[in-house]
Amino acid sequence: MPMADVGTMLVFGAVLLGAGFVAGFLGGMIGAGGGLIVIPILYHTFTGLGVDPAVRMHLVVGTALAAVVPTSLLGARAHWLRGNVDRTIVKRLALPIFFGASLAGAVSGHLGNRALSLGFVLAAALVSLNMMLKTGVKLGNGLPGRFCTGVIGAAIGSVSTLVGIGGATLTVPVLHAFRTPMPVAVGTAATLGALIGLPGAIAFMIGGWGDVRVPPGSLGYVNGVAAALIFPASAVAVSWGARFTRQVNERALRAMFAAFLALTAARMLFSLP
């Protein structure tokens, strides 16, 4: 890949720091998984740096998953301290989500760049549509039986890993559909997020190991430089966002979540080659 000049690198660095801050704040406040903000910015950053299109989206997804792990842990702690985490839900979904994320990570290297991009757009658009409904889809009072809950968790883990959006993006509306209060859905989703990011990031590292098309500073399909820029800003902002979760009414939370999903999906769709 061609080398960018120092000025360009500084601009991209500043953009990634800003993206990390916004992703952390929104992740803490409305559970909008960091990938919603980070993925489009990483995509355009790697495009500007001349990363090979054949591996660009793999690098974007892997880096986003790696960046979301520490942010999820910090967000989980912030919500835990505020009583926004349902431990029973965490126990029921943790293993299925981890299994789904690990399985998806293992097959991600066999998917093309366009398939990963379209997967992200489709997932974001569907969740946005659901959240825009006045009451959203209601599936019941509380999670279903063990088998159905396992299937739901595995689906959340696998889809989230393949498109790099972080668990909150799908977990929040799913929990809300089972009548979990929005602040608790956000906090619980943040707690489960690391179970998606960690196995997913490791799988993308292994899948891209030895690929000469990735830029310097990469471990497989995870760019350490970009992740290192995103994380500090996100870490600072996530606890600030968590403070606002109970200060914003539920309808406003749903509207904000849906709006960011729709905007992100549209932006990514129009940027596809």
Protein backbone atom coordinates (compact mmCIF):
# COMPACT_ATOMS: atom_id res chain seq x y z
CA MET A 1 0.00 0.00 0.00
CA PRO A 2 1.25 3.56 -0.69
CA MET A 3 2.63 5.57 2.22
CA ALA A 4 0.64 8.65 3.22
CA ASP A 5 2.45 11.88 4.14
CA VAL A 6 2.84 13.00 7.75
CA GLY A 7 0.09 15.62 7.51
CA THR A 8 -2.40 13.08 6.22
CA MET A 9 -1.50 10.64 8.98
CA LEU A 10 -2.03 13.34 11.62
CA VAL A 11 -5.44 14.18 10.20
CA PHE A 12 -6.49 10.54 10.18
CA GLY A 13 -5.19 10.17 13.74
CA ALA A 14 -7.27 13.12 14.92
CA VAL A 15 -10.35 11.74 13.16
CA LEU A 16 -9.94 8.36 14.86
CA LEU A 17 -9.55 10.01 18.27
CA GLY A 18 -12.76 11.94 17.63
CA ALA A 19 -14.53 8.80 16.47
CA GLY A 20 -13.44 7.01 19.63
CA PHE A 21 -14.81 9.79 21.81
CA VAL A 22 -18.20 9.88 20.06
CA ALA A 23 -18.44 6.07 19.99
CA GLY A 24 -17.67 5.86 23.70
CA PHE A 25 -20.19 8.53 24.64
CA LEU A 26 -23.00 7.05 22.54
CA GLY A 27 -22.13 3.54 23.65
CA GLY A 28 -22.37 4.59 27.28
CA MET A 29 -25.57 6.57 26.83
CA ILE A 30 -27.73 4.65 24.36
CA GLY A 31 -25.90 1.36 23.84
CA ALA A 32 -25.06 2.24 20.24
CA GLY A 33 -22.23 -0.24 19.81
CA GLY A 34 -18.99 1.55 18.99
CA GLY A 35 -18.88 -0.07 15.57
CA LEU A 36 -21.76 2.11 14.40
CA ILE A 37 -19.49 5.14 14.52
CA VAL A 38 -16.07 3.56 14.17
CA ILE A 39 -16.67 1.25 11.19
CA PRO A 40 -17.56 3.91 8.59
CA ILE A 41 -14.69 6.14 9.75
CA LEU A 42 -12.21 3.27 9.71
CA TYR A 43 -13.45 2.30 6.26
CA HIS A 44 -12.82 5.76 4.83
CA THR A 45 -9.53 6.10 6.71
CA PHE A 46 -8.17 2.86 5.29
CA THR A 47 -9.47 3.88 1.88
CA GLY A 48 -7.54 7.16 2.13
CA LEU A 49 -4.42 5.28 3.18
CA GLY A 50 -4.67 3.07 0.12
CA VAL A 51 -5.39 -0.25 1.83
CA ASP A 52 -6.13 -3.02 -0.67
CA PRO A 53 -9.93 -3.18 -1.22
CA ALA A 54 -9.80 -6.98 -1.02
CA VAL A 55 -8.89 -6.86 2.69
CA ARG A 56 -10.17 -3.41 3.64
CA MET A 57 -13.46 -4.43 5.24
CA HIS A 58 -11.84 -7.37 7.02
CA LEU A 59 -9.35 -4.93 8.55
CA VAL A 60 -12.15 -2.53 9.46
CA VAL A 61 -14.25 -5.18 11.21
CA GLY A 62 -11.31 -6.77 13.04
CA THR A 63 -10.02 -3.41 14.28
CA ALA A 64 -13.49 -2.30 15.39
CA LEU A 65 -13.99 -5.53 17.35
CA ALA A 66 -10.62 -5.13 19.07
CA ALA A 67 -11.34 -1.52 20.00
CA VAL A 68 -14.74 -2.36 21.49
CA VAL A 69 -13.42 -4.85 24.09
CA PRO A 70 -11.87 -2.41 26.59
CA THR A 71 -14.65 0.10 25.95
CA SER A 72 -17.28 -2.56 26.68
CA LEU A 73 -15.57 -3.45 29.94
CA LEU A 74 -15.45 0.18 31.04
CA GLY A 75 -19.05 0.72 29.96
CA ALA A 76 -20.16 -2.39 31.83
CA ARG A 77 -18.48 -1.15 35.00
CA ALA A 78 -20.12 2.28 34.69
CA HIS A 79 -23.59 0.77 34.20
CA TRP A 80 -23.03 -1.81 36.94
CA LEU A 81 -22.31 0.94 39.45
CA ARG A 82 -25.58 2.62 38.42
CA GLY A 83 -27.65 -0.54 38.75
CA ASN A 84 -28.34 -0.84 35.02
CA VAL A 85 -27.20 -4.47 34.59
CA ASP A 86 -29.52 -7.50 34.86
CA ARG A 87 -27.23 -10.28 36.08
CA THR A 88 -29.77 -13.01 35.29
CA ILE A 89 -29.88 -12.00 31.62
CA VAL A 90 -26.08 -11.83 31.49
CA LYS A 91 -25.81 -15.39 32.83
CA ARG A 92 -28.34 -16.74 30.32
CA LEU A 93 -26.88 -15.05 27.24
CA ALA A 94 -23.14 -15.05 27.95
CA LEU A 95 -22.25 -18.55 26.72
CA PRO A 96 -24.46 -18.54 23.58
CA ILE A 97 -23.14 -15.11 22.58
CA PHE A 98 -19.53 -16.21 23.08
CA PHE A 99 -20.16 -19.38 21.05
CA GLY A 100 -21.80 -17.45 18.19
CA ALA A 101 -19.01 -14.88 18.11
CA SER A 102 -16.30 -17.56 18.04
CA LEU A 103 -18.02 -19.49 15.25
CA ALA A 104 -18.53 -16.38 13.12
CA GLY A 105 -14.94 -15.29 13.63
CA ALA A 106 -13.75 -18.66 12.35
CA VAL A 107 -15.62 -18.29 9.04
CA SER A 108 -15.18 -14.53 8.53
CA GLY A 109 -11.96 -14.89 6.57
CA HIS A 110 -13.82 -16.81 3.86
CA LEU A 111 -16.24 -13.93 3.18
CA GLY A 112 -15.56 -11.18 0.66
CA ASN A 113 -15.21 -7.47 1.35
CA ARG A 114 -18.57 -6.61 -0.21
CA ALA A 115 -20.41 -9.35 1.70
CA LEU A 116 -19.16 -7.99 5.04
CA SER A 117 -20.11 -4.44 4.06
CA LEU A 118 -23.62 -5.39 2.95
CA GLY A 119 -24.07 -7.44 6.11
CA PHE A 120 -23.33 -4.37 8.20
CA VAL A 121 -25.77 -2.23 6.21
CA LEU A 122 -28.58 -4.80 6.42
CA ALA A 123 -28.19 -5.40 10.16
CA ALA A 124 -28.12 -1.69 10.95
CA ALA A 125 -31.13 -0.93 8.73
CA LEU A 126 -33.32 -3.68 10.22
CA VAL A 127 -32.57 -2.73 13.81
CA SER A 128 -33.16 0.94 13.00
CA LEU A 129 -36.56 0.14 11.49
CA ASN A 130 -37.59 -1.79 14.58
CA MET A 131 -36.49 0.98 16.92
CA MET A 132 -38.38 3.62 14.90
CA LEU A 133 -41.68 1.87 15.59
CA LYS A 134 -43.69 3.57 18.31
CA THR A 135 -43.45 0.65 20.71
CA GLY A 136 -41.05 -1.62 18.87
CA VAL A 137 -41.65 -5.32 18.39
CA LYS A 138 -42.77 -7.00 21.62
CA LEU A 139 -41.95 -10.69 21.90
CA GLY A 140 -42.92 -11.39 25.50
CA ASN A 141 -42.39 -10.58 29.14
CA GLY A 142 -38.87 -11.77 29.85
CA LEU A 143 -36.57 -14.04 27.86
CA PRO A 144 -38.01 -17.34 26.52
CA GLY A 145 -36.87 -20.86 27.45
CA ARG A 146 -33.28 -22.03 27.52
CA PHE A 147 -33.14 -23.32 23.93
CA CYS A 148 -34.70 -20.22 22.34
CA THR A 149 -32.54 -17.94 24.47
CA GLY A 150 -29.49 -19.91 23.34
CA VAL A 151 -30.43 -19.48 19.68
CA ILE A 152 -31.01 -15.75 20.18
CA GLY A 153 -27.66 -15.34 21.93
CA ALA A 154 -25.76 -17.30 19.27
CA ALA A 155 -27.41 -15.22 16.53
CA ILE A 156 -26.47 -11.97 18.26
CA GLY A 157 -22.88 -13.12 18.71
CA SER A 158 -22.42 -14.38 15.15
CA VAL A 159 -24.06 -11.48 13.30
CA SER A 160 -22.38 -8.85 15.48
CA THR A 161 -18.97 -10.41 14.87
CA LEU A 162 -19.38 -10.75 11.11
CA VAL A 163 -20.30 -7.09 10.66
CA GLY A 164 -18.25 -5.66 13.55
CA ILE A 165 -21.03 -3.65 15.16
CA GLY A 166 -20.56 -4.76 18.75
CA GLY A 167 -23.15 -6.58 20.78
CA ALA A 168 -25.16 -3.59 21.95
CA THR A 169 -26.50 -2.83 18.49
CA LEU A 170 -28.50 -6.06 18.39
CA THR A 171 -28.72 -6.89 22.09
CA VAL A 172 -30.44 -3.64 23.10
CA PRO A 173 -33.47 -3.98 20.77
CA VAL A 174 -33.75 -7.72 21.45
CA LEU A 175 -33.83 -7.21 25.22
CA HIS A 176 -36.24 -4.31 24.79
CA ALA A 177 -38.51 -6.57 22.72
CA PHE A 178 -38.73 -8.82 25.78
CA ARG A 179 -39.78 -5.78 27.84
CA THR A 180 -36.47 -5.07 29.52
CA PRO A 181 -36.42 -1.36 30.50
CA MET A 182 -34.24 0.63 28.11
CA PRO A 183 -31.58 1.74 30.64
CA VAL A 184 -31.19 -1.87 31.84
CA ALA A 185 -31.07 -3.16 28.25
CA VAL A 186 -28.27 -0.69 27.49
CA GLY A 187 -26.26 -1.60 30.58
CA THR A 188 -26.72 -5.35 30.15
CA ALA A 189 -25.75 -5.15 26.47
CA ALA A 190 -22.59 -3.25 27.38
CA THR A 191 -21.67 -6.03 29.80
CA LEU A 192 -22.12 -8.67 27.10
CA GLY A 193 -20.19 -6.68 24.49
CA ALA A 194 -16.74 -7.94 25.44
CA LEU A 195 -17.89 -11.53 24.84
CA ILE A 196 -18.34 -10.59 21.19
CA GLY A 197 -15.34 -8.35 20.65
CA LEU A 198 -12.68 -10.57 22.20
CA PRO A 199 -13.20 -13.88 20.31
CA GLY A 200 -14.05 -11.95 17.16
CA ALA A 201 -10.88 -9.86 17.27
CA ILE A 202 -8.71 -12.91 17.95
CA ALA A 203 -10.29 -14.74 15.01
CA PHE A 204 -9.63 -11.80 12.67
CA MET A 205 -6.02 -11.66 13.88
CA ILE A 206 -5.52 -15.34 13.12
CA GLY A 207 -7.43 -15.18 9.83
CA GLY A 208 -5.27 -12.37 8.48
CA TRP A 209 -1.94 -13.51 9.89
CA GLY A 210 0.77 -13.28 7.25
CA ASP A 211 -1.37 -11.33 4.76
CA VAL A 212 1.05 -8.85 3.17
CA ARG A 213 -1.75 -6.55 1.99
CA VAL A 214 -2.47 -5.12 5.46
CA PRO A 215 -0.89 -1.79 6.52
CA PRO A 216 2.01 -1.47 9.00
CA GLY A 217 1.10 -1.92 12.65
CA SER A 218 -1.40 -4.68 11.95
CA LEU A 219 -1.75 -8.07 13.60
CA GLY A 220 -3.61 -10.01 10.98
CA TYR A 221 -6.81 -8.11 10.23
CA VAL A 222 -6.54 -5.93 13.35
CA ASN A 223 -4.68 -2.63 13.02
CA GLY A 224 -3.10 -1.92 16.39
CA VAL A 225 -2.36 1.72 15.60
CA ALA A 226 -5.99 2.56 14.82
CA ALA A 227 -7.30 0.60 17.80
CA ALA A 228 -4.81 2.35 20.09
CA LEU A 229 -6.08 5.75 18.91
CA ILE A 230 -9.75 4.87 19.28
CA PHE A 231 -9.60 3.27 22.72
CA PRO A 232 -8.27 6.11 24.95
CA ALA A 233 -10.82 8.64 23.72
CA SER A 234 -13.60 6.08 23.95
CA ALA A 235 -12.54 5.12 27.48
CA VAL A 236 -12.78 8.73 28.63
CA ALA A 237 -16.22 9.25 27.09
CA VAL A 238 -18.02 6.02 27.96
CA SER A 239 -18.57 6.80 31.64
CA TRP A 240 -19.85 10.27 30.73
CA GLY A 241 -22.39 8.74 28.39
CA ALA A 242 -23.55 6.25 31.03
CA ARG A 243 -24.46 9.14 33.34
CA PHE A 244 -27.03 10.37 30.84
CA THR A 245 -28.84 7.03 30.35
CA ARG A 246 -31.45 7.63 33.06
CA GLN A 247 -31.65 11.37 32.38
CA VAL A 248 -33.06 10.91 28.87
CA ASN A 249 -36.60 9.54 28.48
CA GLU A 250 -37.08 6.17 26.83
CA ARG A 251 -38.68 7.48 23.64
CA ALA A 252 -35.74 9.83 23.12
CA LEU A 253 -33.29 6.97 23.67
CA ARG A 254 -35.07 4.87 21.05
CA ALA A 255 -35.18 7.74 18.55
CA MET A 256 -31.48 8.53 18.97
CA PHE A 257 -30.52 4.88 18.63
CA ALA A 258 -32.61 4.46 15.46
CA ALA A 259 -31.32 7.67 13.89
CA PHE A 260 -27.67 6.72 14.25
CA LEU A 261 -28.32 3.26 12.87
CA ALA A 262 -30.15 4.62 9.82
CA LEU A 263 -27.52 7.27 9.07
CA THR A 264 -24.69 4.78 9.39
CA ALA A 265 -26.38 2.21 7.15
CA ALA A 266 -27.09 4.80 4.46
CA ARG A 267 -23.54 6.15 4.55
CA MET A 268 -22.00 2.71 4.19
CA LEU A 269 -24.40 1.68 1.41
CA PHE A 270 -23.60 4.69 -0.75
CA SER A 271 -19.86 4.25 -0.21
CA LEU A 272 -19.80 0.69 -1.57
CA PRO A 273 -18.03 0.27 -4.93
